[in-house]
Amino acid sequence: MPTCRKCNAEIFWALTKNDVLMPIDVEPDPDGNIEIETNELDGSNRAMVVDPKQANLFGKPRYVSHFVTCPHAKEFRKK
């Protein structure tokens, strides 16, 4: 399992709608705003931002971007 190179938390990667890789916390979060669609052919993950206040109609786990929880997130931001 990949880990954050700054805080060593376990993460996984998912592509955003703009095809940019985003680190995602491994543990689901019921208050999260990201749902993951996994491509069954190649195993890639696609991150879809959802409204965390909406009912979870399909029962999918929700996640949080690691940029939200990492204590070193500012160090990764582009200047």
N, C-alpha and C. Protein backbone atom coordinates (compact mmCIF):
# COMPACT_ATOMS: atom_id res chain seq x y z
N MET A 1 0.86 -1.18 0.00
CA MET A 1 0.00 0.00 0.00
C MET A 1 0.90 1.24 0.00
N PRO A 2 0.62 2.19 -0.89
CA PRO A 2 1.41 3.43 -0.89
C PRO A 2 1.20 4.23 0.39
N THR A 3 2.19 5.03 0.72
CA THR A 3 2.08 5.91 1.89
C THR A 3 2.46 7.33 1.49
N CYS A 4 1.97 8.28 2.24
CA CYS A 4 2.33 9.69 2.05
C CYS A 4 3.81 9.83 2.38
N ARG A 5 4.55 10.51 1.52
CA ARG A 5 5.99 10.63 1.75
C ARG A 5 6.34 11.61 2.87
N LYS A 6 5.38 12.35 3.36
CA LYS A 6 5.63 13.28 4.46
C LYS A 6 5.16 12.75 5.81
N CYS A 7 3.93 12.21 5.87
CA CYS A 7 3.39 11.79 7.17
C CYS A 7 3.28 10.27 7.31
N ASN A 8 3.59 9.54 6.24
CA ASN A 8 3.57 8.07 6.22
C ASN A 8 2.19 7.44 6.37
N ALA A 9 1.13 8.20 6.23
CA ALA A 9 -0.23 7.63 6.28
C ALA A 9 -0.46 6.80 5.02
N GLU A 10 -1.23 5.72 5.15
CA GLU A 10 -1.58 4.91 3.99
C GLU A 10 -2.57 5.67 3.11
N ILE A 11 -2.30 5.65 1.82
CA ILE A 11 -3.15 6.34 0.85
C ILE A 11 -3.34 5.44 -0.36
N PHE A 12 -4.27 5.83 -1.24
CA PHE A 12 -4.31 5.26 -2.58
C PHE A 12 -4.53 6.42 -3.54
N TRP A 13 -4.32 6.17 -4.81
CA TRP A 13 -4.40 7.23 -5.80
C TRP A 13 -5.65 7.07 -6.66
N ALA A 14 -6.24 8.20 -7.05
CA ALA A 14 -7.40 8.20 -7.93
C ALA A 14 -7.28 9.39 -8.88
N LEU A 15 -7.78 9.20 -10.09
CA LEU A 15 -7.79 10.28 -11.07
C LEU A 15 -9.02 11.17 -10.85
N THR A 16 -8.81 12.47 -10.93
CA THR A 16 -9.92 13.42 -10.87
C THR A 16 -10.56 13.52 -12.25
N LYS A 17 -11.62 14.30 -12.37
CA LYS A 17 -12.27 14.48 -13.67
C LYS A 17 -11.34 15.17 -14.67
N ASN A 18 -10.31 15.86 -14.16
CA ASN A 18 -9.32 16.52 -15.02
C ASN A 18 -8.09 15.65 -15.25
N ASP A 19 -8.20 14.36 -14.92
CA ASP A 19 -7.11 13.39 -15.10
C ASP A 19 -5.84 13.75 -14.33
N VAL A 20 -6.03 14.27 -13.13
CA VAL A 20 -4.92 14.57 -12.23
C VAL A 20 -4.99 13.56 -11.08
N LEU A 21 -3.85 12.98 -10.71
CA LEU A 21 -3.84 12.03 -9.60
C LEU A 21 -4.03 12.74 -8.27
N MET A 22 -4.91 12.21 -7.45
CA MET A 22 -5.20 12.76 -6.12
C MET A 22 -4.96 11.66 -5.09
N PRO A 23 -4.22 11.99 -4.00
CA PRO A 23 -4.07 11.00 -2.93
C PRO A 23 -5.34 10.96 -2.08
N ILE A 24 -5.78 9.74 -1.75
CA ILE A 24 -7.01 9.54 -0.99
C ILE A 24 -6.68 8.75 0.27
N ASP A 25 -7.23 9.16 1.42
CA ASP A 25 -7.06 8.39 2.64
C ASP A 25 -7.68 7.01 2.45
N VAL A 26 -7.00 5.98 2.94
CA VAL A 26 -7.44 4.60 2.76
C VAL A 26 -8.75 4.30 3.47
N GLU A 27 -8.91 4.81 4.67
CA GLU A 27 -10.11 4.50 5.46
C GLU A 27 -11.30 5.33 4.98
N PRO A 28 -12.42 4.69 4.72
CA PRO A 28 -13.63 5.44 4.37
C PRO A 28 -14.03 6.39 5.49
N ASP A 29 -14.70 7.47 5.11
CA ASP A 29 -15.16 8.47 6.07
C ASP A 29 -16.62 8.78 5.74
N PRO A 30 -17.55 8.51 6.64
CA PRO A 30 -18.97 8.76 6.33
C PRO A 30 -19.25 10.23 6.00
N ASP A 31 -18.38 11.15 6.43
CA ASP A 31 -18.55 12.56 6.12
C ASP A 31 -17.74 12.98 4.89
N GLY A 32 -17.11 12.01 4.23
CA GLY A 32 -16.28 12.31 3.07
C GLY A 32 -17.08 12.82 1.89
N ASN A 33 -16.37 13.43 0.94
CA ASN A 33 -17.04 13.98 -0.24
C ASN A 33 -16.52 13.36 -1.54
N ILE A 34 -15.88 12.20 -1.44
CA ILE A 34 -15.35 11.55 -2.63
C ILE A 34 -15.85 10.11 -2.70
N GLU A 35 -16.40 9.75 -3.85
CA GLU A 35 -16.74 8.36 -4.12
C GLU A 35 -15.77 7.86 -5.19
N ILE A 36 -15.44 6.60 -5.12
CA ILE A 36 -14.47 6.01 -6.03
C ILE A 36 -15.15 5.02 -6.97
N GLU A 37 -14.87 5.17 -8.25
CA GLU A 37 -15.28 4.20 -9.26
C GLU A 37 -14.00 3.49 -9.71
N THR A 38 -14.00 2.17 -9.63
CA THR A 38 -12.82 1.41 -10.05
C THR A 38 -13.09 0.77 -11.41
N ASN A 39 -12.18 0.98 -12.34
CA ASN A 39 -12.27 0.39 -13.67
C ASN A 39 -11.92 -1.09 -13.55
N GLU A 40 -12.86 -1.94 -13.87
CA GLU A 40 -12.66 -3.38 -13.72
C GLU A 40 -11.63 -3.93 -14.70
N LEU A 41 -11.40 -3.23 -15.81
CA LEU A 41 -10.44 -3.72 -16.80
C LEU A 41 -8.99 -3.49 -16.37
N ASP A 42 -8.70 -2.29 -15.87
CA ASP A 42 -7.30 -2.00 -15.53
C ASP A 42 -7.07 -1.70 -14.05
N GLY A 43 -8.12 -1.68 -13.24
CA GLY A 43 -7.98 -1.46 -11.81
C GLY A 43 -7.75 -0.01 -11.40
N SER A 44 -7.82 0.91 -12.37
CA SER A 44 -7.60 2.31 -12.03
C SER A 44 -8.81 2.86 -11.27
N ASN A 45 -8.56 3.89 -10.47
CA ASN A 45 -9.60 4.52 -9.66
C ASN A 45 -9.92 5.89 -10.20
N ARG A 46 -11.20 6.24 -10.20
CA ARG A 46 -11.66 7.56 -10.61
C ARG A 46 -12.36 8.19 -9.42
N ALA A 47 -11.92 9.39 -9.02
CA ALA A 47 -12.50 10.12 -7.89
C ALA A 47 -13.64 11.00 -8.39
N MET A 48 -14.79 10.89 -7.73
CA MET A 48 -15.93 11.73 -8.06
C MET A 48 -16.35 12.49 -6.81
N VAL A 49 -16.33 13.80 -6.90
CA VAL A 49 -16.72 14.63 -5.77
C VAL A 49 -18.24 14.63 -5.67
N VAL A 50 -18.74 14.39 -4.47
CA VAL A 50 -20.18 14.38 -4.21
C VAL A 50 -20.47 15.31 -3.04
N ASP A 51 -21.70 15.71 -2.92
CA ASP A 51 -22.11 16.54 -1.80
C ASP A 51 -22.22 15.64 -0.56
N PRO A 52 -21.41 15.87 0.47
CA PRO A 52 -21.45 15.00 1.64
C PRO A 52 -22.79 15.03 2.37
N LYS A 53 -23.61 16.06 2.11
CA LYS A 53 -24.91 16.17 2.77
C LYS A 53 -25.99 15.35 2.06
N GLN A 54 -25.71 14.93 0.81
CA GLN A 54 -26.68 14.14 0.08
C GLN A 54 -26.73 12.73 0.65
N ALA A 55 -27.90 12.14 0.56
CA ALA A 55 -28.06 10.75 1.00
C ALA A 55 -27.17 9.86 0.13
N ASN A 56 -26.59 8.87 0.74
CA ASN A 56 -25.74 7.92 0.03
C ASN A 56 -26.65 6.83 -0.53
N LEU A 57 -27.28 7.10 -1.66
CA LEU A 57 -28.30 6.22 -2.22
C LEU A 57 -27.78 4.85 -2.63
N PHE A 58 -26.52 4.79 -3.05
CA PHE A 58 -25.99 3.54 -3.56
C PHE A 58 -25.15 2.79 -2.53
N GLY A 59 -25.03 3.33 -1.33
CA GLY A 59 -24.30 2.66 -0.27
C GLY A 59 -22.81 2.54 -0.50
N LYS A 60 -22.25 3.38 -1.38
CA LYS A 60 -20.81 3.34 -1.64
C LYS A 60 -20.07 4.01 -0.49
N PRO A 61 -18.89 3.50 -0.16
CA PRO A 61 -18.11 4.20 0.86
C PRO A 61 -17.65 5.55 0.32
N ARG A 62 -17.52 6.48 1.20
CA ARG A 62 -17.01 7.81 0.84
C ARG A 62 -15.66 8.01 1.48
N TYR A 63 -14.86 8.82 0.83
CA TYR A 63 -13.48 9.03 1.26
C TYR A 63 -13.16 10.52 1.32
N VAL A 64 -11.96 10.81 1.84
CA VAL A 64 -11.48 12.18 1.96
C VAL A 64 -10.13 12.27 1.25
N SER A 65 -9.92 13.36 0.54
CA SER A 65 -8.61 13.59 -0.06
C SER A 65 -7.57 13.69 1.05
N HIS A 66 -6.41 13.10 0.81
CA HIS A 66 -5.36 13.16 1.83
C HIS A 66 -4.86 14.60 2.01
N PHE A 67 -5.07 15.46 1.02
CA PHE A 67 -4.70 16.87 1.18
C PHE A 67 -5.47 17.52 2.33
N VAL A 68 -6.63 16.99 2.67
CA VAL A 68 -7.45 17.54 3.77
C VAL A 68 -6.88 17.12 5.12
N THR A 69 -6.36 15.91 5.22
CA THR A 69 -5.96 15.37 6.52
C THR A 69 -4.45 15.40 6.78
N CYS A 70 -3.65 15.57 5.75
CA CYS A 70 -2.19 15.54 5.94
C CYS A 70 -1.71 16.82 6.64
N PRO A 71 -0.94 16.66 7.72
CA PRO A 71 -0.42 17.85 8.40
C PRO A 71 0.61 18.60 7.57
N HIS A 72 1.09 18.00 6.49
CA HIS A 72 2.11 18.63 5.64
C HIS A 72 1.55 19.05 4.28
N ALA A 73 0.25 19.14 4.15
CA ALA A 73 -0.39 19.41 2.85
C ALA A 73 0.13 20.69 2.20
N LYS A 74 0.40 21.71 2.98
CA LYS A 74 0.88 22.98 2.40
C LYS A 74 2.18 22.81 1.64
N GLU A 75 2.99 21.84 2.05
CA GLU A 75 4.28 21.62 1.39
C GLU A 75 4.11 21.06 -0.03
N PHE A 76 2.96 20.49 -0.33
CA PHE A 76 2.71 19.91 -1.64
C PHE A 76 2.07 20.90 -2.61
N ARG A 77 1.59 22.02 -2.11
CA ARG A 77 0.90 22.98 -2.97
C ARG A 77 1.89 23.66 -3.92
N LYS A 78 1.44 23.82 -5.16
CA LYS A 78 2.26 24.51 -6.14
C LYS A 78 2.22 26.00 -5.86
N LYS A 79 3.35 26.63 -6.05
CA LYS A 79 3.45 28.07 -5.78
C LYS A 79 3.02 28.89 -6.96
